[in-house]
Protein backbone atom coordinates (compact mmCIF):
# COMPACT_ATOMS: atom_id res chain seq x y z
CA MET A 1 78.50 138.95 203.27
CA ARG A 2 78.86 139.46 207.16
CA ALA A 3 78.69 141.42 210.24
CA VAL A 4 81.82 144.01 210.44
CA THR A 5 82.85 146.56 212.27
CA LEU A 6 83.83 150.83 211.51
CA ALA A 7 81.36 153.31 212.64
CA THR A 8 79.60 155.60 209.76
CA GLY A 9 79.75 159.33 209.78
CA PRO A 10 76.75 161.13 211.20
CA ALA A 11 75.75 162.85 207.52
CA LEU A 12 75.91 159.15 205.76
CA ALA A 13 73.56 157.67 208.56
CA ALA A 14 71.08 160.85 208.33
CA VAL A 15 71.18 160.19 204.94
CA LEU A 16 70.28 156.33 205.20
CA ALA A 17 67.45 157.55 207.43
CA LEU A 18 65.49 159.90 204.58
CA THR A 19 62.41 158.40 203.49
CA LEU A 20 63.12 158.06 199.24
CA THR A 21 59.45 158.26 198.34
CA ALA A 22 56.47 156.84 200.17
CA CYS A 23 55.74 152.96 200.12
CA GLY A 24 53.08 150.77 201.02
CA GLY A 25 52.49 148.13 203.39
CA GLY A 26 50.79 144.44 202.93
CA GLY A 27 51.86 141.37 201.88
CA GLY A 28 52.93 140.84 198.22
CA SER A 29 51.55 142.98 195.65
CA ASP A 30 51.13 142.30 192.16
CA SER A 31 52.33 145.56 190.74
CA GLY A 32 56.27 145.06 189.16
CA GLY A 33 58.44 145.93 186.59
CA SER A 34 58.11 142.96 184.28
CA GLY A 35 54.00 142.09 184.71
CA GLU A 36 54.81 139.42 187.45
CA GLY A 37 54.16 139.16 190.81
CA VAL A 38 56.13 141.03 193.57
CA LEU A 39 56.66 138.96 196.36
CA SER A 40 56.86 140.10 200.23
CA ALA A 41 60.34 138.76 202.27
CA VAL A 42 61.67 139.62 206.10
CA TRP A 43 64.53 141.86 206.28
CA GLY A 44 66.68 143.99 208.56
CA ASP A 45 67.69 147.73 208.33
CA PRO A 46 71.24 147.76 206.91
CA GLN A 47 74.11 149.29 209.65
CA ASN A 48 74.97 152.06 206.94
CA PRO A 49 74.39 153.79 203.16
CA LEU A 50 74.09 150.98 200.49
CA GLU A 51 77.44 151.84 199.29
CA PRO A 52 79.07 148.24 197.40
CA ALA A 53 82.61 149.15 199.72
CA ASN A 54 80.58 150.51 202.77
CA THR A 55 78.69 147.40 203.38
CA ASN A 56 79.69 144.34 204.90
CA GLU A 57 76.70 142.83 206.68
CA VAL A 58 73.99 140.41 205.58
CA GLN A 59 71.05 142.67 205.33
CA GLY A 60 72.63 145.42 203.54
CA GLY A 61 74.15 142.57 201.25
CA LYS A 62 70.70 140.99 200.43
CA VAL A 63 69.83 144.32 198.55
CA LEU A 64 73.51 144.85 196.95
CA GLY A 65 72.92 141.05 195.52
CA MET A 66 70.06 142.43 193.81
CA LEU A 67 71.13 145.73 192.62
CA PHE A 68 74.66 145.18 191.37
CA ARG A 69 76.22 142.78 189.56
CA GLY A 70 80.76 142.35 189.38
CA LEU A 71 82.93 141.06 187.25
CA LYS A 72 82.19 137.26 188.89
CA ARG A 73 79.06 135.91 190.18
CA TYR A 74 78.91 132.95 192.86
CA ASP A 75 76.77 130.27 191.06
CA PRO A 76 73.57 130.05 193.81
CA GLN A 77 74.29 126.28 193.75
CA THR A 78 77.96 125.75 194.12
CA GLY A 79 79.35 128.67 195.15
CA LYS A 80 81.79 128.74 192.14
CA ALA A 81 83.19 131.89 190.86
CA GLU A 82 81.83 132.35 187.20
CA ASN A 83 82.13 135.02 185.18
CA ALA A 84 79.33 138.01 185.29
CA VAL A 85 80.28 141.45 183.68
CA ALA A 86 83.99 140.01 183.21
CA GLU A 87 84.53 138.41 179.53
CA SER A 88 87.81 137.29 180.77
CA ILE A 89 90.57 137.89 183.52
CA THR A 90 93.81 136.50 182.56
CA THR A 91 97.12 136.23 184.10
CA LYS A 92 100.58 135.02 183.21
CA ASP A 93 102.38 135.38 186.98
CA SER A 94 99.30 135.90 189.41
CA ARG A 95 100.09 139.15 190.29
CA THR A 96 99.34 141.44 187.06
CA PHE A 97 95.95 140.47 185.91
CA THR A 98 94.13 141.69 182.82
CA VAL A 99 90.36 142.35 182.46
CA LYS A 100 88.02 142.07 179.43
CA ILE A 101 84.49 143.24 180.36
CA LYS A 102 81.52 142.35 178.46
CA LYS A 103 80.31 145.11 175.99
CA GLY A 104 76.65 145.80 176.29
CA TRP A 105 76.36 146.05 179.94
CA THR A 106 74.49 149.42 181.33
CA PHE A 107 73.21 150.66 184.68
CA SER A 108 69.67 150.74 185.22
CA ASN A 109 70.07 154.70 184.47
CA GLY A 110 71.31 154.45 180.92
CA GLU A 111 74.96 154.73 181.35
CA ALA A 112 77.35 152.07 180.07
CA VAL A 113 79.27 150.17 182.22
CA THR A 114 83.10 150.60 181.35
CA ALA A 115 86.52 149.97 182.75
CA HIS A 116 86.39 152.97 184.37
CA SER A 117 83.17 152.15 186.28
CA PHE A 118 85.37 149.36 188.08
CA VAL A 119 88.35 151.35 188.58
CA ASP A 120 86.85 154.19 189.56
CA ALA A 121 84.92 152.47 192.24
CA TRP A 122 87.83 150.35 193.28
CA ASN A 123 89.66 153.61 193.67
CA TYR A 124 87.14 155.13 196.16
CA GLY A 125 86.31 152.08 198.01
CA ALA A 126 90.05 151.96 198.91
CA SER A 127 90.79 155.72 199.88
CA LEU A 128 91.23 156.35 203.39
CA LYS A 129 89.39 159.94 203.19
CA ASN A 130 85.96 157.96 202.30
CA ASN A 131 86.17 155.72 205.33
CA GLN A 132 84.79 152.64 203.66
CA LYS A 133 84.19 149.79 205.66
CA ASN A 134 85.62 147.61 202.91
CA ALA A 135 88.63 149.34 202.20
CA TYR A 136 90.59 146.62 203.24
CA PHE A 137 89.64 144.31 200.52
CA PHE A 138 91.47 146.50 198.33
CA GLY A 139 94.98 146.10 199.94
CA TYR A 140 96.22 143.62 197.86
CA ILE A 141 96.55 146.09 195.07
CA GLU A 142 100.01 148.13 194.61
CA GLY A 143 99.26 151.39 195.91
CA TYR A 144 97.01 150.75 198.93
CA ASP A 145 99.91 151.67 201.37
CA LYS A 146 99.63 155.34 199.48
CA VAL A 147 95.94 155.84 199.21
CA HIS A 148 94.96 153.94 202.78
CA PRO A 149 98.09 154.38 205.26
CA ASP A 150 97.85 152.38 208.61
CA SER A 151 98.73 156.04 209.95
CA GLY A 152 99.25 159.25 208.90
CA GLU A 153 97.84 161.21 205.76
CA GLN A 154 97.18 159.52 202.28
CA THR A 155 99.54 160.74 199.99
CA ALA A 156 97.99 159.30 196.72
CA ASP A 157 93.99 159.39 195.85
CA THR A 158 94.36 156.44 193.27
CA LEU A 159 95.99 152.70 193.49
CA SER A 160 99.05 152.66 191.30
CA GLY A 161 98.11 149.29 190.65
CA LEU A 162 95.19 149.87 188.54
CA LYS A 163 95.51 151.08 185.13
CA VAL A 164 92.46 151.85 182.45
CA VAL A 165 93.46 150.19 178.93
CA ASP A 166 90.27 151.14 176.82
CA ASP A 167 86.40 151.45 177.81
CA HIS A 168 86.52 147.73 178.04
CA THR A 169 89.61 146.48 179.35
CA PHE A 170 91.85 147.33 182.44
CA THR A 171 94.80 145.82 184.56
CA VAL A 172 95.41 145.34 188.20
CA ARG A 173 98.87 144.94 189.32
CA LEU A 174 99.16 143.37 192.93
CA GLY A 175 101.22 143.98 195.50
CA GLN A 176 102.06 139.90 195.90
CA THR A 177 101.40 137.16 193.89
CA PHE A 178 97.76 135.91 194.91
CA SER A 179 96.37 133.17 192.60
CA THR A 180 92.98 132.87 193.72
CA PHE A 181 92.22 136.91 193.21
CA PRO A 182 89.57 136.57 190.56
CA ASP A 183 87.99 134.64 192.80
CA THR A 184 87.15 137.16 195.15
CA LEU A 185 86.04 139.64 192.60
CA GLY A 186 82.31 138.82 192.93
CA TYR A 187 82.19 140.00 196.44
CA ALA A 188 79.90 143.26 196.32
CA ALA A 189 82.79 145.46 197.35
CA PHE A 190 84.36 145.08 193.87
CA ALA A 191 81.11 145.89 192.60
CA PRO A 192 81.11 148.44 189.39
CA LEU A 193 79.44 152.16 190.15
CA PRO A 194 77.93 154.89 187.66
CA LYS A 195 79.32 158.53 187.40
CA ALA A 196 76.06 159.84 189.06
CA PHE A 197 77.71 158.27 192.47
CA PHE A 198 80.31 160.50 192.26
CA SER A 199 78.67 163.76 190.56
CA ASP A 200 75.82 163.91 193.00
CA HIS A 201 76.62 161.23 195.68
CA GLU A 202 73.95 162.62 198.26
CA ALA A 203 71.16 161.98 195.62
CA TRP A 204 72.48 158.71 194.66
CA LEU A 205 72.82 157.35 198.66
CA LYS A 206 69.15 158.40 198.95
CA LYS A 207 68.58 156.23 195.62
CA PRO A 208 71.15 153.80 194.86
CA VAL A 209 71.70 152.88 190.92
CA GLY A 210 73.52 149.57 189.72
CA ASN A 211 73.56 147.80 187.35
CA GLY A 212 71.82 144.37 188.65
CA PRO A 213 68.43 142.63 187.53
CA TYR A 214 66.64 145.07 190.11
CA THR A 215 66.24 148.49 190.76
CA ILE A 216 64.88 150.57 194.43
CA GLU A 217 61.43 152.08 194.09
CA SER A 218 61.33 153.40 197.29
CA TYR A 219 62.64 152.69 200.92
CA THR A 220 61.56 154.00 204.41
CA ARG A 221 64.05 152.73 207.27
CA GLY A 222 62.31 151.01 209.96
CA SER A 223 59.33 149.77 207.28
CA GLU A 224 60.11 148.61 203.87
CA MET A 225 62.16 148.58 200.79
CA ARG A 226 60.46 148.09 197.37
CA LEU A 227 62.54 146.64 194.80
CA ARG A 228 61.40 146.33 191.31
CA THR A 229 62.70 144.20 188.17
CA TRP A 230 64.69 145.60 185.79
CA ASP A 231 63.29 144.96 182.37
CA ALA A 232 66.33 146.38 180.44
CA TYR A 233 68.81 144.32 182.54
CA PRO A 234 71.59 142.65 180.36
CA GLY A 235 72.47 139.96 182.22
CA GLY A 236 71.46 136.16 181.85
CA ASP A 237 70.21 135.97 185.11
CA LYS A 238 66.82 138.27 184.93
CA ALA A 239 64.35 138.22 187.54
CA ALA A 240 61.56 135.67 187.11
CA ASN A 241 58.92 137.89 189.18
CA GLY A 242 57.84 141.70 188.83
CA GLY A 243 60.10 142.72 192.06
CA VAL A 244 60.47 141.83 196.21
CA ASP A 245 59.33 143.88 198.96
CA LEU A 246 61.78 143.69 201.76
CA LYS A 247 59.96 144.21 204.82
CA VAL A 248 61.56 145.17 208.05
CA TYR A 249 60.90 143.03 211.65
CA THR A 250 62.79 143.54 214.98
CA ASP A 251 61.17 139.91 215.59
CA ASN A 252 61.85 136.99 213.56
CA ASN A 253 58.82 135.22 215.30
CA THR A 254 56.53 137.83 214.34
CA ALA A 255 57.75 137.47 210.62
CA TYR A 256 56.85 133.95 211.06
CA THR A 257 53.75 134.41 212.33
CA ASP A 258 52.80 136.59 209.45
CA LEU A 259 54.04 134.05 206.84
CA LEU A 260 51.32 131.75 208.82
CA ALA A 261 48.57 134.34 208.60
CA GLY A 262 49.40 135.20 204.53
CA ASN A 263 51.21 138.70 205.28
CA LEU A 264 54.66 137.61 203.99
CA ASP A 265 55.69 135.38 201.46
CA LEU A 266 59.44 134.60 202.33
CA VAL A 267 61.27 133.95 205.59
CA ASP A 268 65.05 133.20 205.44
CA ASP A 269 65.77 132.61 208.87
CA VAL A 270 62.97 130.39 210.72
CA PRO A 271 63.01 130.81 214.56
CA ALA A 272 64.64 128.33 216.84
CA GLN A 273 61.33 128.04 218.54
CA GLN A 274 59.64 127.17 215.30
CA LEU A 275 61.77 124.47 214.01
CA LYS A 276 59.68 121.63 215.38
CA ASN A 277 56.47 123.20 214.07
CA VAL A 278 58.02 124.33 210.88
CA LYS A 279 57.22 121.11 208.64
CA ASN A 280 53.84 120.69 209.23
CA ASP A 281 52.84 124.34 209.62
CA LEU A 282 54.49 124.83 205.87
CA ALA A 283 53.38 121.32 204.23
CA GLY A 284 56.57 121.05 202.72
CA ARG A 285 57.44 124.66 201.95
CA TYR A 286 60.63 124.66 203.98
CA LEU A 287 64.48 124.39 203.05
CA ASN A 288 67.18 123.36 205.30
CA THR A 289 70.36 123.28 203.42
CA PRO A 290 74.20 123.70 204.20
CA ALA A 291 75.53 126.92 204.16
CA GLY A 292 78.78 128.75 204.35
CA ILE A 293 78.37 130.29 207.71
CA ILE A 294 79.88 129.84 210.89
CA GLN A 295 78.80 131.27 214.20
CA THR A 296 81.70 132.26 216.57
CA LEU A 297 82.17 134.54 220.08
CA ALA A 298 84.53 137.06 219.95
CA PHE A 299 86.83 138.42 222.52
CA PRO A 300 87.59 141.75 223.34
CA PHE A 301 91.31 141.94 222.88
CA TYR A 302 91.27 145.75 223.07
CA ASP A 303 90.52 145.37 226.65
CA LYS A 304 93.62 144.53 228.96
CA ASP A 305 91.66 142.16 231.21
CA TRP A 306 91.49 139.89 228.21
CA LYS A 307 95.22 139.85 227.32
CA THR A 308 96.45 138.65 230.80
CA PRO A 309 99.39 135.75 230.17
CA GLY A 310 96.81 133.15 231.21
CA GLY A 311 93.89 134.56 229.37
CA ALA A 312 94.48 131.79 226.57
CA LYS A 313 93.46 129.16 229.36
CA VAL A 314 90.57 130.95 230.36
CA ARG A 315 89.16 131.13 226.65
CA LYS A 316 90.34 127.75 226.04
CA GLY A 317 88.88 126.49 229.34
CA LEU A 318 85.16 128.52 228.53
CA SER A 319 85.05 126.92 224.74
CA MET A 320 85.19 123.25 226.70
CA ALA A 321 82.53 124.38 229.24
CA VAL A 322 79.95 124.83 226.07
CA ASN A 323 78.28 121.78 225.04
CA ARG A 324 78.11 121.92 221.54
CA GLU A 325 75.97 118.61 220.63
CA GLN A 326 73.31 119.52 223.16
CA ILE A 327 72.65 122.97 222.17
CA THR A 328 72.57 122.43 218.62
CA LYS A 329 70.12 119.61 219.00
CA THR A 330 67.65 121.10 221.45
CA VAL A 331 67.97 124.80 220.47
CA PHE A 332 68.16 124.53 217.08
CA GLN A 333 66.93 120.96 216.17
CA ASN A 334 69.76 119.72 214.51
CA THR A 335 69.84 123.13 211.67
CA ARG A 336 73.31 123.38 213.23
CA THR A 337 76.52 121.45 213.48
CA PRO A 338 79.36 121.46 216.46
CA ALA A 339 82.23 123.70 215.20
CA THR A 340 85.52 121.71 214.79
CA ASP A 341 87.55 124.45 213.19
CA TRP A 342 86.97 128.10 212.07
CA THR A 343 86.04 127.53 208.54
CA SER A 344 83.03 125.66 207.27
CA PRO A 345 82.29 122.25 205.70
CA VAL A 346 81.01 123.70 202.42
CA LEU A 347 84.68 124.27 201.56
CA GLY A 348 85.57 120.53 201.44
CA ALA A 349 88.93 119.45 202.16
CA ASP A 350 90.00 120.61 198.91
CA GLY A 351 89.09 124.19 199.42
CA GLY A 352 90.70 124.15 203.13
CA PHE A 353 88.10 122.63 205.40
CA LYS A 354 89.74 120.24 208.08
CA GLU A 355 87.50 118.71 210.47
CA GLY A 356 88.83 118.29 214.02
CA LEU A 357 91.61 121.05 213.78
CA CYS A 358 89.93 122.64 216.84
CA GLY A 359 90.64 119.28 218.80
CA ASP A 360 89.98 119.06 222.63
CA ALA A 361 89.32 122.71 222.53
CA CYS A 362 86.37 122.24 220.72
CA GLU A 363 84.97 119.41 223.05
CA TYR A 364 82.94 119.49 226.06
CA ASN A 365 84.96 118.62 228.89
CA PRO A 366 83.47 120.29 232.42
CA THR A 367 86.27 119.14 234.60
CA GLU A 368 89.09 120.23 232.17
CA ALA A 369 87.02 123.50 231.83
CA LYS A 370 87.05 124.44 235.00
CA LYS A 371 90.74 123.58 235.78
CA LEU A 372 91.82 125.81 233.01
CA VAL A 373 89.98 128.68 233.92
CA GLU A 374 91.21 128.51 237.50
CA GLU A 375 94.69 128.25 236.48
CA GLY A 376 93.93 131.24 233.71
CA GLY A 377 93.22 133.46 236.36
CA GLY A 378 89.39 133.03 236.25
CA ILE A 379 86.94 135.13 234.36
CA PRO A 380 87.99 138.60 233.44
CA GLY A 381 86.07 140.61 236.25
CA GLY A 382 84.13 137.54 237.68
CA GLN A 383 81.26 137.92 234.91
CA ILE A 384 81.05 137.01 231.45
CA LYS A 385 78.16 139.29 229.62
CA ILE A 386 77.59 137.90 226.08
CA SER A 387 76.24 140.50 223.68
CA TYR A 388 74.20 139.94 221.36
CA ASN A 389 71.51 141.47 218.87
CA ALA A 390 67.91 140.79 219.85
CA ASP A 391 65.71 141.57 216.38
CA THR A 392 66.33 138.77 214.37
CA GLY A 393 68.08 135.41 214.80
CA SER A 394 66.86 133.58 217.67
CA HIS A 395 70.18 134.58 219.56
CA LYS A 396 68.57 134.95 223.12
CA GLU A 397 68.31 131.30 222.93
CA TRP A 398 71.24 130.29 222.08
CA VAL A 399 73.21 132.84 224.05
CA ASP A 400 71.15 131.71 227.11
CA ALA A 401 72.25 128.16 226.38
CA VAL A 402 75.63 128.70 225.97
CA CYS A 403 75.44 130.52 229.62
CA ASN A 404 73.87 128.07 231.19
CA SER A 405 76.45 125.54 229.91
CA ILE A 406 78.99 127.67 231.13
CA ASN A 407 77.43 128.48 234.55
CA ASN A 408 77.18 124.73 235.11
CA VAL A 409 80.45 124.01 234.72
CA LEU A 410 81.83 126.28 236.91
CA GLY A 411 79.28 125.99 239.36
CA ASP A 412 78.20 129.67 239.48
CA ASP A 413 74.85 130.87 238.22
CA LYS A 414 76.01 134.22 237.66
CA ALA A 415 79.21 133.74 235.78
CA CYS A 416 77.62 133.81 232.58
CA VAL A 417 74.66 136.24 231.66
CA GLY A 418 73.29 137.00 228.10
CA ALA A 419 73.83 141.12 227.34
CA PRO A 420 70.89 141.83 224.39
CA VAL A 421 70.99 144.94 222.40
CA GLY A 422 68.00 146.16 220.84
CA THR A 423 69.02 146.20 216.92
CA PHE A 424 71.56 144.93 214.73
CA ALA A 425 72.89 148.38 213.75
CA ASP A 426 72.93 149.31 217.41
CA PHE A 427 74.57 146.13 218.12
CA ARG A 428 77.34 146.79 215.54
CA ASN A 429 78.25 150.18 216.21
CA LEU A 430 78.90 148.82 219.99
CA VAL A 431 81.45 146.41 218.25
CA GLY A 432 82.87 149.01 215.51
CA GLN A 433 83.25 151.57 218.58
CA GLU A 434 84.88 148.54 220.93
CA LYS A 435 82.39 149.43 223.49
CA LEU A 436 81.70 145.61 224.79
CA THR A 437 83.98 144.39 227.31
CA GLY A 438 82.86 141.02 227.37
CA PRO A 439 82.73 138.05 224.33
CA PHE A 440 80.05 139.07 221.71
CA ARG A 441 78.52 136.78 218.62
CA ALA A 442 80.77 137.18 215.68
CA GLY A 443 78.93 135.15 213.26
CA TRP A 444 80.24 134.80 209.78
CA GLN A 445 78.90 134.22 206.39
CA MET A 446 81.16 133.84 203.57
CA ASP A 447 81.86 136.47 200.87
CA TYR A 448 83.49 133.95 199.01
CA PRO A 449 84.35 130.29 199.13
CA LEU A 450 87.75 130.36 200.20
CA ILE A 451 89.48 129.36 203.13
CA GLN A 452 91.67 132.35 203.39
CA ASN A 453 87.87 134.58 203.84
CA PHE A 454 87.32 132.70 206.86
CA LEU A 455 90.56 133.39 208.41
CA GLN A 456 91.92 136.62 206.92
CA PRO A 457 89.19 139.16 207.10
CA LEU A 458 88.55 138.26 210.93
CA TYR A 459 91.78 137.74 211.88
CA TYR A 460 94.71 139.20 210.40
CA THR A 461 95.90 142.44 212.39
CA GLY A 462 94.36 145.00 211.64
CA ALA A 463 91.76 143.15 209.29
CA SER A 464 88.09 145.18 208.30
CA SER A 465 86.38 142.43 210.30
CA ASN A 466 88.47 141.43 212.94
CA ASP A 467 86.06 142.48 215.65
CA GLY A 468 87.88 141.80 218.78
CA LYS A 469 91.13 142.88 217.78
CA TRP A 470 92.93 139.79 218.01
CA SER A 471 96.47 140.11 216.81
CA ASN A 472 99.47 137.26 215.90
CA LYS A 473 102.70 137.88 214.15
CA GLU A 474 103.16 134.18 213.47
CA PHE A 475 99.42 134.07 212.10
CA ASP A 476 100.12 137.06 209.92
CA ALA A 477 103.04 135.50 208.48
CA LEU A 478 101.42 132.12 207.39
CA VAL A 479 98.30 134.04 206.04
CA ASP A 480 101.09 136.18 203.68
CA ARG A 481 103.15 132.94 202.56
CA ALA A 482 99.50 131.20 201.41
CA ASN A 483 98.31 134.11 199.68
CA ALA A 484 101.64 134.25 197.83
CA GLN A 485 101.56 130.38 196.64
CA THR A 486 100.52 129.58 193.02
CA ASP A 487 99.54 125.97 194.04
CA PRO A 488 96.16 126.09 195.60
CA LYS A 489 97.14 122.74 197.88
CA GLN A 490 100.13 124.46 199.63
CA ALA A 491 98.09 127.57 200.13
CA VAL A 492 95.51 125.53 201.58
CA GLN A 493 98.12 123.60 203.98
CA LEU A 494 99.39 126.83 205.22
CA PHE A 495 96.35 128.43 205.86
CA GLN A 496 95.35 125.72 207.91
CA GLN A 497 98.68 126.24 209.75
CA ALA A 498 97.64 129.66 210.41
CA GLU A 499 94.60 128.65 211.67
CA GLY A 500 96.34 126.19 214.15
CA VAL A 501 97.92 129.22 215.80
CA LEU A 502 94.53 130.82 216.07
CA ARG A 503 93.28 127.83 218.28
CA ASP A 504 96.41 127.75 220.28
CA ASP A 505 95.61 131.01 221.64
CA MET A 506 91.41 130.64 221.21
CA GLY A 507 91.36 133.93 219.28
CA ALA A 508 87.69 133.12 218.72
CA MET A 509 85.36 130.48 220.00
CA PRO A 510 84.18 128.24 217.35
CA LEU A 511 80.02 127.08 218.21
CA TRP A 512 78.54 125.41 215.03
CA TYR A 513 78.33 125.59 211.65
CA GLN A 514 74.66 127.04 210.31
CA ASN A 515 72.53 125.69 208.12
CA GLY A 516 70.17 128.25 206.09
CA SER A 517 66.55 128.04 206.39
CA ALA A 518 63.84 129.47 204.75
CA GLY A 519 60.02 129.21 204.50
CA TRP A 520 57.28 130.24 202.02
CA SER A 521 53.78 131.05 201.20
CA ASP A 522 51.82 128.75 198.64
CA ARG A 523 52.15 132.01 195.93
CA LEU A 524 55.86 131.10 195.59
CA SER A 525 57.47 128.37 193.96
CA GLU A 526 61.50 127.83 192.97
CA VAL A 527 62.60 129.05 196.18
CA GLU A 528 66.58 128.40 196.93
CA LEU A 529 69.43 129.71 199.28
CA ASP A 530 72.30 129.96 197.60
CA ALA A 531 75.94 128.54 199.47
CA PHE A 532 75.84 131.83 201.76
CA SER A 533 71.99 131.25 202.57
CA VAL A 534 70.84 134.11 200.71
CA PRO A 535 67.76 133.63 199.15
CA VAL A 536 67.96 133.38 194.96
CA TYR A 537 65.73 136.38 194.84
CA ASN A 538 65.73 136.45 190.84
CA GLU A 539 64.77 133.37 190.44
CA ILE A 540 61.44 133.14 192.59
CA LYS A 541 58.56 132.89 191.06
CA VAL A 542 55.14 134.40 192.34
CA GLY A 543 51.94 132.89 191.53
């Protein structure tokens, strides 16, 4: 899960702002659906209502991961896609897939999970009229061009590639071969939806109903969401606790202070300022593990000033002006690793990670950096303003460090400045409305462990998370060819060629690979982060 574009309609935003029921504050409580203890954890309000096909950022993704189970689930330790609701997914040609779902699965309202639960949800998510930001993920399925055309009105309400065979079987026909398609189906956009979602949509948005190990008890925007264990959950990964109180913080330093004071149980993003102290502060209750996350700077290619003939030189020069080694050491205490490509080392060589693919463009070289910026025509507008959300993630510290590095190289202490935006939701709205005129933070948390997921959603023309609107026909063609391969090795090679095209134009600036970090109170045990750096909430024990 990760940050993306697309604004939501005002009606939906208003629905999310409603209080579901009153909820209390304080630290971890001791009440819960299973009778076990309830833990409290740091959180941030999601940008949009918690519809699976309309949630494409980390905070909302945390909740969806507790509320829903899809056909696949990613193993918390390895990230490998394993069957969850799916009994089997088979194919003879890597284009038509037969999906059989397990019997006995229900939603928390008692409704059975059937083939229609998936097919109806996917059709809803793909439809242009529903304006779902994850619609793009259904673009592989035949008929998407009719349901979600690039221009004009949609001419179909359902995807022709989806067919219900019986209550527990459906088929998926893709527009082209895509051998790893089943591995994408653990992503939240592909979650099933109950009939209540369609019959009383407004009521469902106020209190979403899913088929995962937790249910929502209450939510007050700006304050807290209370989730409780669903005792009748049919899956094998039942919750080991009674629930999770997700508490909204606009400053992760405050969250860390509350953790130390005993007012909070779990912080899953230790502030940069506290990294020197965290091991002593928490006496071993601290994790720092590799995760499928990369931090980048996106450029606003929708702004003509960033699409000049010399723009690639300027962007490469700026990349070479950033001292990644120094920043990851001093700001992040080596909990980040300088990026040398646009993916993540967690993929491994077989999965598509290629160390050094960025080449000299990601190496600190003050002399060459200044030369390239000058040859390219200089910084657009004479000053870079790097936008970021100020509420979570210690972004101010690293943005200031990046700007200081660029300013030192260019010999101008005003060449680069940080441009904070108050909240994550406000920041994402500005991105979606294309109102940013300078580079902006564009961290990416993988949805599934494939090189395709690090490239296509972010840089393919018109892709759902292509925030900067970079577009390159050669890149698109290589991605299309890679997706059509049935041999994974050949697919990886083509994706890496596409990555080379991205490098040559510096369509986005890689900064560093991010580890997942977490600190917790002495009330908790069995705390782990999955391969996406999200706490494995259902495995945490309280008391």
